[in-house]
N, C-alpha and C. Protein backbone atom coordinates (compact mmCIF):
# COMPACT_ATOMS: atom_id res chain seq x y z
N UNK A 1 -1.94 27.06 3.59
CA UNK A 1 -1.55 26.75 2.68
C UNK A 1 -0.70 27.72 1.43
N UNK A 2 0.07 26.91 1.07
CA UNK A 2 1.65 27.25 0.51
C UNK A 2 0.58 27.88 -1.11
N UNK A 3 0.48 29.10 -1.70
CA UNK A 3 -0.35 29.62 -2.64
C UNK A 3 0.22 28.76 -4.07
N UNK A 4 1.35 28.53 -4.07
CA UNK A 4 1.87 27.96 -5.15
C UNK A 4 1.33 26.49 -5.36
N UNK A 5 0.98 25.51 -4.42
CA UNK A 5 0.97 24.10 -4.32
C UNK A 5 -0.51 24.28 -4.88
N UNK A 6 -0.74 23.19 -5.72
CA UNK A 6 -1.97 22.87 -6.43
C UNK A 6 -2.85 22.08 -5.45
N UNK A 7 -2.20 21.87 -4.30
CA UNK A 7 -3.25 20.72 -3.46
C UNK A 7 -2.92 21.45 -2.13
N UNK A 8 -4.11 21.32 -1.49
CA UNK A 8 -4.24 21.62 0.01
C UNK A 8 -3.35 20.67 1.09
N UNK A 9 -2.50 21.49 1.75
CA UNK A 9 -1.50 20.71 2.45
C UNK A 9 -2.22 20.51 3.98
N UNK A 10 -3.33 20.61 4.00
CA UNK A 10 -3.79 20.12 5.65
C UNK A 10 -3.69 18.59 5.70
N UNK A 11 -3.47 18.50 6.94
CA UNK A 11 -3.47 16.74 7.18
C UNK A 11 -4.63 15.93 6.80
N UNK A 12 -5.59 16.37 7.04
CA UNK A 12 -7.12 15.81 6.59
C UNK A 12 -7.27 15.48 5.13
N UNK A 13 -6.89 16.06 4.39
CA UNK A 13 -6.72 16.22 2.75
C UNK A 13 -5.61 15.32 2.34
N UNK A 14 -4.46 15.49 3.13
CA UNK A 14 -3.39 14.41 2.67
C UNK A 14 -3.94 13.18 3.03
N UNK A 15 -4.57 12.83 4.18
CA UNK A 15 -4.75 11.46 4.78
C UNK A 15 -6.05 11.03 3.86
N UNK A 16 -6.96 11.71 3.11
CA UNK A 16 -7.81 11.66 2.27
C UNK A 16 -7.24 10.95 1.13
N UNK A 17 -6.20 11.96 0.48
CA UNK A 17 -5.72 11.48 -0.88
C UNK A 17 -5.08 9.76 -0.53
N UNK A 18 -4.12 10.10 0.40
CA UNK A 18 -3.44 8.99 0.53
C UNK A 18 -4.39 7.63 0.55
N UNK A 19 -5.60 7.96 1.51
CA UNK A 19 -6.56 6.40 1.38
C UNK A 19 -7.06 6.27 0.00
N UNK A 20 -7.47 7.35 -0.81
CA UNK A 20 -7.93 7.23 -2.27
C UNK A 20 -6.91 6.21 -2.63
N UNK A 21 -5.40 6.99 -2.90
CA UNK A 21 -4.40 6.53 -3.77
C UNK A 21 -4.19 5.02 -3.35
N UNK A 22 -4.22 4.46 -2.41
CA UNK A 22 -3.93 3.36 -1.98
C UNK A 22 -4.80 2.18 -2.31
N UNK A 23 -6.29 2.72 -1.88
CA UNK A 23 -6.97 1.86 -2.16
C UNK A 23 -7.13 1.85 -4.01
N UNK A 24 -7.12 2.88 -4.69
CA UNK A 24 -6.86 2.76 -6.33
C UNK A 24 -5.58 1.73 -6.65
N UNK A 25 -4.75 2.15 -6.34
CA UNK A 25 -3.61 0.98 -6.37
C UNK A 25 -4.09 -0.45 -6.38
N UNK A 26 -4.82 -0.58 -5.14
CA UNK A 26 -5.35 -2.12 -5.12
C UNK A 26 -6.47 -2.76 -6.03
N UNK A 27 -7.11 -1.78 -6.22
CA UNK A 27 -8.30 -1.90 -7.43
C UNK A 27 -7.66 -2.17 -8.91
N UNK A 28 -6.78 -1.72 -8.99
CA UNK A 28 -6.30 -1.45 -10.15
C UNK A 28 -5.24 -2.60 -10.43
N UNK A 29 -4.78 -3.46 -9.55
CA UNK A 29 -4.46 -4.31 -9.45
C UNK A 29 -5.23 -5.54 -9.28
N UNK A 30 -6.21 -5.36 -8.50
CA UNK A 30 -7.10 -6.53 -8.82
C UNK A 30 -7.80 -6.85 -10.07
N UNK A 31 -7.90 -5.78 -10.77
CA UNK A 31 -8.38 -5.58 -11.98
C UNK A 31 -7.63 -6.37 -12.78
N UNK A 32 -6.31 -5.82 -12.76
CA UNK A 32 -5.42 -6.50 -13.72
C UNK A 32 -5.22 -7.57 -13.64
N UNK A 33 -5.39 -8.47 -12.18
CA UNK A 33 -5.17 -9.84 -11.96
C UNK A 33 -6.07 -10.33 -12.71
N UNK A 34 -7.39 -9.84 -12.80
CA UNK A 34 -8.43 -10.45 -13.20
C UNK A 34 -8.61 -10.54 -14.73
N UNK A 35 -8.14 -9.28 -15.25
CA UNK A 35 -8.27 -8.85 -17.02
C UNK A 35 -7.27 -8.73 -17.73
N UNK A 36 -6.13 -8.36 -17.03
CA UNK A 36 -4.79 -7.87 -18.12
C UNK A 36 -3.24 -8.27 -17.30
N UNK A 37 -3.10 -9.00 -17.37
CA UNK A 37 -1.87 -9.59 -16.57
C UNK A 37 -0.48 -8.52 -16.57
N UNK A 38 -0.44 -7.81 -17.45
CA UNK A 38 0.37 -6.57 -17.82
C UNK A 38 -0.10 -5.96 -16.68
N UNK A 39 -0.84 -5.55 -16.25
CA UNK A 39 -0.99 -4.34 -15.04
C UNK A 39 -0.26 -4.78 -14.03
N UNK A 40 -0.45 -6.16 -13.43
CA UNK A 40 0.52 -6.97 -12.35
C UNK A 40 1.82 -6.86 -12.62
N UNK A 41 1.94 -7.19 -13.77
CA UNK A 41 3.47 -7.25 -13.95
C UNK A 41 4.29 -5.98 -13.99
N UNK A 42 3.40 -4.87 -14.12
CA UNK A 42 4.22 -3.67 -13.73
C UNK A 42 4.56 -3.55 -12.52
N UNK A 43 3.55 -3.64 -11.82
CA UNK A 43 3.88 -3.70 -10.43
C UNK A 43 4.81 -4.28 -10.09
N UNK A 44 5.05 -5.77 -10.48
CA UNK A 44 6.42 -6.41 -10.09
C UNK A 44 7.38 -5.92 -10.80
N UNK A 45 7.39 -5.50 -11.95
CA UNK A 45 8.67 -5.13 -12.59
C UNK A 45 9.37 -3.91 -11.63
N UNK A 46 8.42 -3.27 -11.49
CA UNK A 46 8.72 -1.80 -10.55
C UNK A 46 8.66 -2.04 -9.25
N UNK A 47 8.63 -3.22 -8.58
CA UNK A 47 8.68 -3.38 -7.35
C UNK A 47 8.20 -2.41 -6.39
N UNK A 48 6.97 -2.32 -6.75
CA UNK A 48 6.19 -1.40 -6.39
C UNK A 48 5.98 -2.08 -4.51
N UNK A 49 5.75 -2.90 -4.07
CA UNK A 49 5.31 -3.58 -2.94
C UNK A 49 6.69 -3.33 -2.00
N UNK A 50 7.96 -3.04 -2.70
CA UNK A 50 9.11 -2.30 -1.68
C UNK A 50 9.03 -1.11 -1.33
N UNK A 51 8.48 -0.38 -2.29
CA UNK A 51 8.09 1.45 -2.09
C UNK A 51 7.01 1.47 -0.83
N UNK A 52 6.04 0.41 -0.76
CA UNK A 52 5.17 0.36 0.01
C UNK A 52 5.59 -0.09 1.49
N UNK A 53 6.72 -0.77 1.69
CA UNK A 53 7.33 -1.04 3.05
C UNK A 53 8.29 0.22 3.03
N UNK A 54 8.73 0.67 2.18
CA UNK A 54 9.76 1.83 2.28
C UNK A 54 8.98 2.89 3.02
N UNK A 55 7.65 3.34 2.70
CA UNK A 55 6.64 4.20 2.91
C UNK A 55 6.42 3.80 4.50
N UNK A 56 6.16 2.48 4.82
CA UNK A 56 5.71 1.86 6.10
C UNK A 56 6.62 2.05 6.88
N UNK A 57 7.85 2.27 6.94
CA UNK A 57 9.17 2.13 7.61
C UNK A 57 9.38 4.12 8.20
N UNK A 58 8.91 4.78 7.67
CA UNK A 58 9.29 5.90 7.69
C UNK A 58 8.54 6.25 8.81
N UNK A 59 9.09 7.29 9.77
CA UNK A 59 8.42 7.94 10.60
C UNK A 59 8.46 9.30 10.57
N UNK A 60 6.86 9.58 11.21
CA UNK A 60 6.27 11.09 10.88
C UNK A 60 5.27 10.93 11.59
N UNK A 61 4.53 12.03 11.92
CA UNK A 61 3.60 12.51 12.89
C UNK A 61 2.45 11.51 12.42
N UNK A 62 2.25 11.18 11.33
CA UNK A 62 1.32 10.29 10.82
C UNK A 62 1.62 8.83 10.32
N UNK A 63 2.76 8.12 10.78
CA UNK A 63 3.14 7.23 10.35
C UNK A 63 2.08 6.04 10.74
N UNK A 64 1.63 5.88 11.92
CA UNK A 64 0.44 5.09 12.25
C UNK A 64 -0.66 4.85 11.47
N UNK A 65 -1.28 6.12 11.03
CA UNK A 65 -2.08 6.38 9.86
C UNK A 65 -1.71 5.50 8.76
N UNK A 66 -0.57 5.85 8.08
CA UNK A 66 0.06 5.32 7.08
C UNK A 66 0.13 3.69 7.13
N UNK A 67 0.62 3.17 7.89
CA UNK A 67 0.82 1.78 8.36
C UNK A 67 -0.48 1.26 8.33
N UNK A 68 -1.54 1.60 8.83
CA UNK A 68 -2.93 1.29 8.71
C UNK A 68 -3.49 1.24 7.24
N UNK A 69 -3.22 2.25 6.57
CA UNK A 69 -3.79 2.37 4.87
C UNK A 69 -2.73 1.06 4.50
N UNK A 70 -1.54 1.39 4.55
CA UNK A 70 -1.10 0.17 3.58
C UNK A 70 -1.02 -1.34 4.38
N UNK A 71 -1.66 -1.49 5.52
CA UNK A 71 -2.12 -3.02 5.97
C UNK A 71 -3.15 -3.24 5.44
N UNK A 72 -4.35 -2.22 5.25
CA UNK A 72 -5.53 -2.63 4.79
C UNK A 72 -5.35 -2.54 2.88
N UNK A 73 -4.38 -1.66 2.17
CA UNK A 73 -4.20 -2.25 0.94
C UNK A 73 -3.53 -3.52 0.84
N UNK A 74 -2.88 -4.03 1.39
CA UNK A 74 -1.88 -5.29 1.16
C UNK A 74 -3.34 -6.30 1.45
N UNK A 75 -4.16 -5.90 2.87
CA UNK A 75 -4.93 -7.22 2.93
C UNK A 75 -5.76 -7.32 1.70
N UNK A 76 -6.47 -6.29 0.99
CA UNK A 76 -7.25 -6.30 0.18
C UNK A 76 -6.58 -7.17 -1.26
N UNK A 77 -5.28 -7.02 -1.10
CA UNK A 77 -4.52 -7.49 -2.27
C UNK A 77 -4.73 -9.29 -1.73
N UNK A 78 -4.23 -9.35 -0.75
CA UNK A 78 -3.98 -10.77 -0.36
C UNK A 78 -5.29 -11.55 -0.46
N UNK A 79 -6.38 -10.93 0.03
CA UNK A 79 -7.72 -11.50 -0.48
C UNK A 79 -8.28 -11.72 -1.66
N UNK A 80 -7.89 -10.93 -2.30
CA UNK A 80 -8.55 -10.63 -3.92
C UNK A 80 -8.08 -11.19 -5.07
N UNK A 81 -6.80 -11.15 -4.72
CA UNK A 81 -5.96 -11.74 -6.14
C UNK A 81 -6.16 -13.32 -6.16
N UNK A 82 -6.38 -13.49 -7.32
CA UNK A 82 -6.70 -14.94 -7.66
C UNK A 82 -5.83 -15.72 -8.57
N UNK A 83 -4.93 -14.86 -9.19
CA UNK A 83 -3.72 -15.64 -9.91
C UNK A 83 -2.37 -16.34 -8.95
N UNK A 84 -2.75 -17.66 -9.45
CA UNK A 84 -1.71 -18.02 -8.44
C UNK A 84 -0.41 -17.37 -8.60
N UNK A 85 0.44 -17.12 -9.75
CA UNK A 85 1.75 -16.45 -10.02
C UNK A 85 1.71 -15.50 -9.13
N UNK A 86 0.92 -14.16 -9.48
CA UNK A 86 0.68 -13.25 -8.70
C UNK A 86 0.63 -13.19 -7.02
N UNK A 87 -0.20 -14.13 -6.74
CA UNK A 87 0.21 -14.31 -5.22
C UNK A 87 1.35 -15.19 -4.97
N UNK A 88 1.84 -15.85 -5.41
CA UNK A 88 3.04 -16.48 -5.06
C UNK A 88 4.08 -15.53 -4.78
N UNK A 89 4.34 -14.49 -6.13
CA UNK A 89 5.23 -13.55 -5.85
C UNK A 89 4.96 -12.60 -4.57
N UNK A 90 3.57 -12.15 -4.15
CA UNK A 90 3.25 -11.56 -3.10
C UNK A 90 3.89 -12.16 -2.00
N UNK A 91 3.75 -13.74 -1.85
CA UNK A 91 3.97 -14.20 -0.73
C UNK A 91 5.59 -14.85 -0.68
N UNK A 92 6.42 -14.65 -1.61
CA UNK A 92 7.61 -15.74 -1.94
C UNK A 92 8.74 -14.69 -1.39
N UNK A 93 8.61 -13.60 -1.49
CA UNK A 93 9.88 -12.83 -1.08
C UNK A 93 10.04 -12.14 0.48
N UNK A 94 10.77 -11.69 0.53
CA UNK A 94 11.15 -11.27 2.04
C UNK A 94 10.18 -10.18 2.63
N UNK A 95 9.74 -9.60 1.50
CA UNK A 95 8.72 -8.38 2.13
C UNK A 95 7.86 -8.57 2.61
N UNK A 96 7.44 -9.67 2.70
CA UNK A 96 5.98 -9.96 3.73
C UNK A 96 6.38 -10.28 4.88
N UNK A 97 7.64 -10.84 5.10
CA UNK A 97 8.45 -11.16 6.17
C UNK A 97 8.53 -9.72 6.90
N UNK A 98 9.07 -8.45 6.25
CA UNK A 98 9.19 -7.54 6.60
C UNK A 98 7.88 -6.52 7.10
N UNK A 99 6.91 -7.01 6.62
CA UNK A 99 5.78 -6.15 7.34
C UNK A 99 5.62 -7.36 8.75
N UNK A 100 5.65 -8.58 8.66
CA UNK A 100 5.36 -9.10 9.91
C UNK A 100 6.10 -8.69 10.91
N UNK A 101 7.46 -8.28 10.53
CA UNK A 101 8.32 -8.02 11.79
C UNK A 101 8.32 -6.38 12.31
N UNK A 102 7.66 -5.62 11.60
CA UNK A 102 7.41 -4.63 11.49
C UNK A 102 7.29 -4.08 12.93
N UNK A 103 8.01 -2.91 13.38
CA UNK A 103 7.37 -2.55 14.77
C UNK A 103 6.34 -1.55 14.72
N UNK A 104 4.96 -2.26 14.66
CA UNK A 104 3.72 -1.30 14.74
C UNK A 104 3.51 -0.80 15.92
N UNK A 105 2.63 0.21 16.00
CA UNK A 105 1.98 0.71 17.07
C UNK A 105 0.64 0.21 17.63
N UNK A 106 1.00 -1.19 18.39
CA UNK A 106 -0.13 -1.97 18.78
C UNK A 106 -0.96 -0.94 19.86
N UNK A 107 -0.45 -0.13 20.20
CA UNK A 107 -1.41 0.53 21.02
C UNK A 107 -2.22 1.76 20.33
N UNK A 108 -2.34 1.74 19.31
CA UNK A 108 -2.99 2.17 18.12
C UNK A 108 -4.33 1.39 18.10
N UNK A 109 -5.46 1.36 18.20
CA UNK A 109 -6.59 0.61 18.20
C UNK A 109 -6.77 0.24 16.64
N UNK A 110 -6.55 1.20 15.60
CA UNK A 110 -6.82 0.83 14.28
C UNK A 110 -5.72 -0.63 13.63
N UNK A 111 -4.44 -0.33 14.45
CA UNK A 111 -3.51 -1.26 13.66
C UNK A 111 -4.30 -2.60 14.11
């Protein structure tokens, strides 16, 4: 561990943080969908979904884990977003197509 780093750098700690972070993003967006549309508007305005896809495309030792976490997050969003405009945005652009054609590691049972 780097003594100047505020967070432990172990792989398991990073995985836990990533899982928590993505789950939190999904929960905040779902809450915003139900209670405050400006939350989801911010997600749209900043094009956060494209950042998710960029992360998914990166190659690293944990890329399969990251893909699984992002797929779970997106699945939670698609299942729980009730506002038709928000759902339309998620489904209307090519970002969903990019997820569909992504070269997942289907040998990984978690995918």
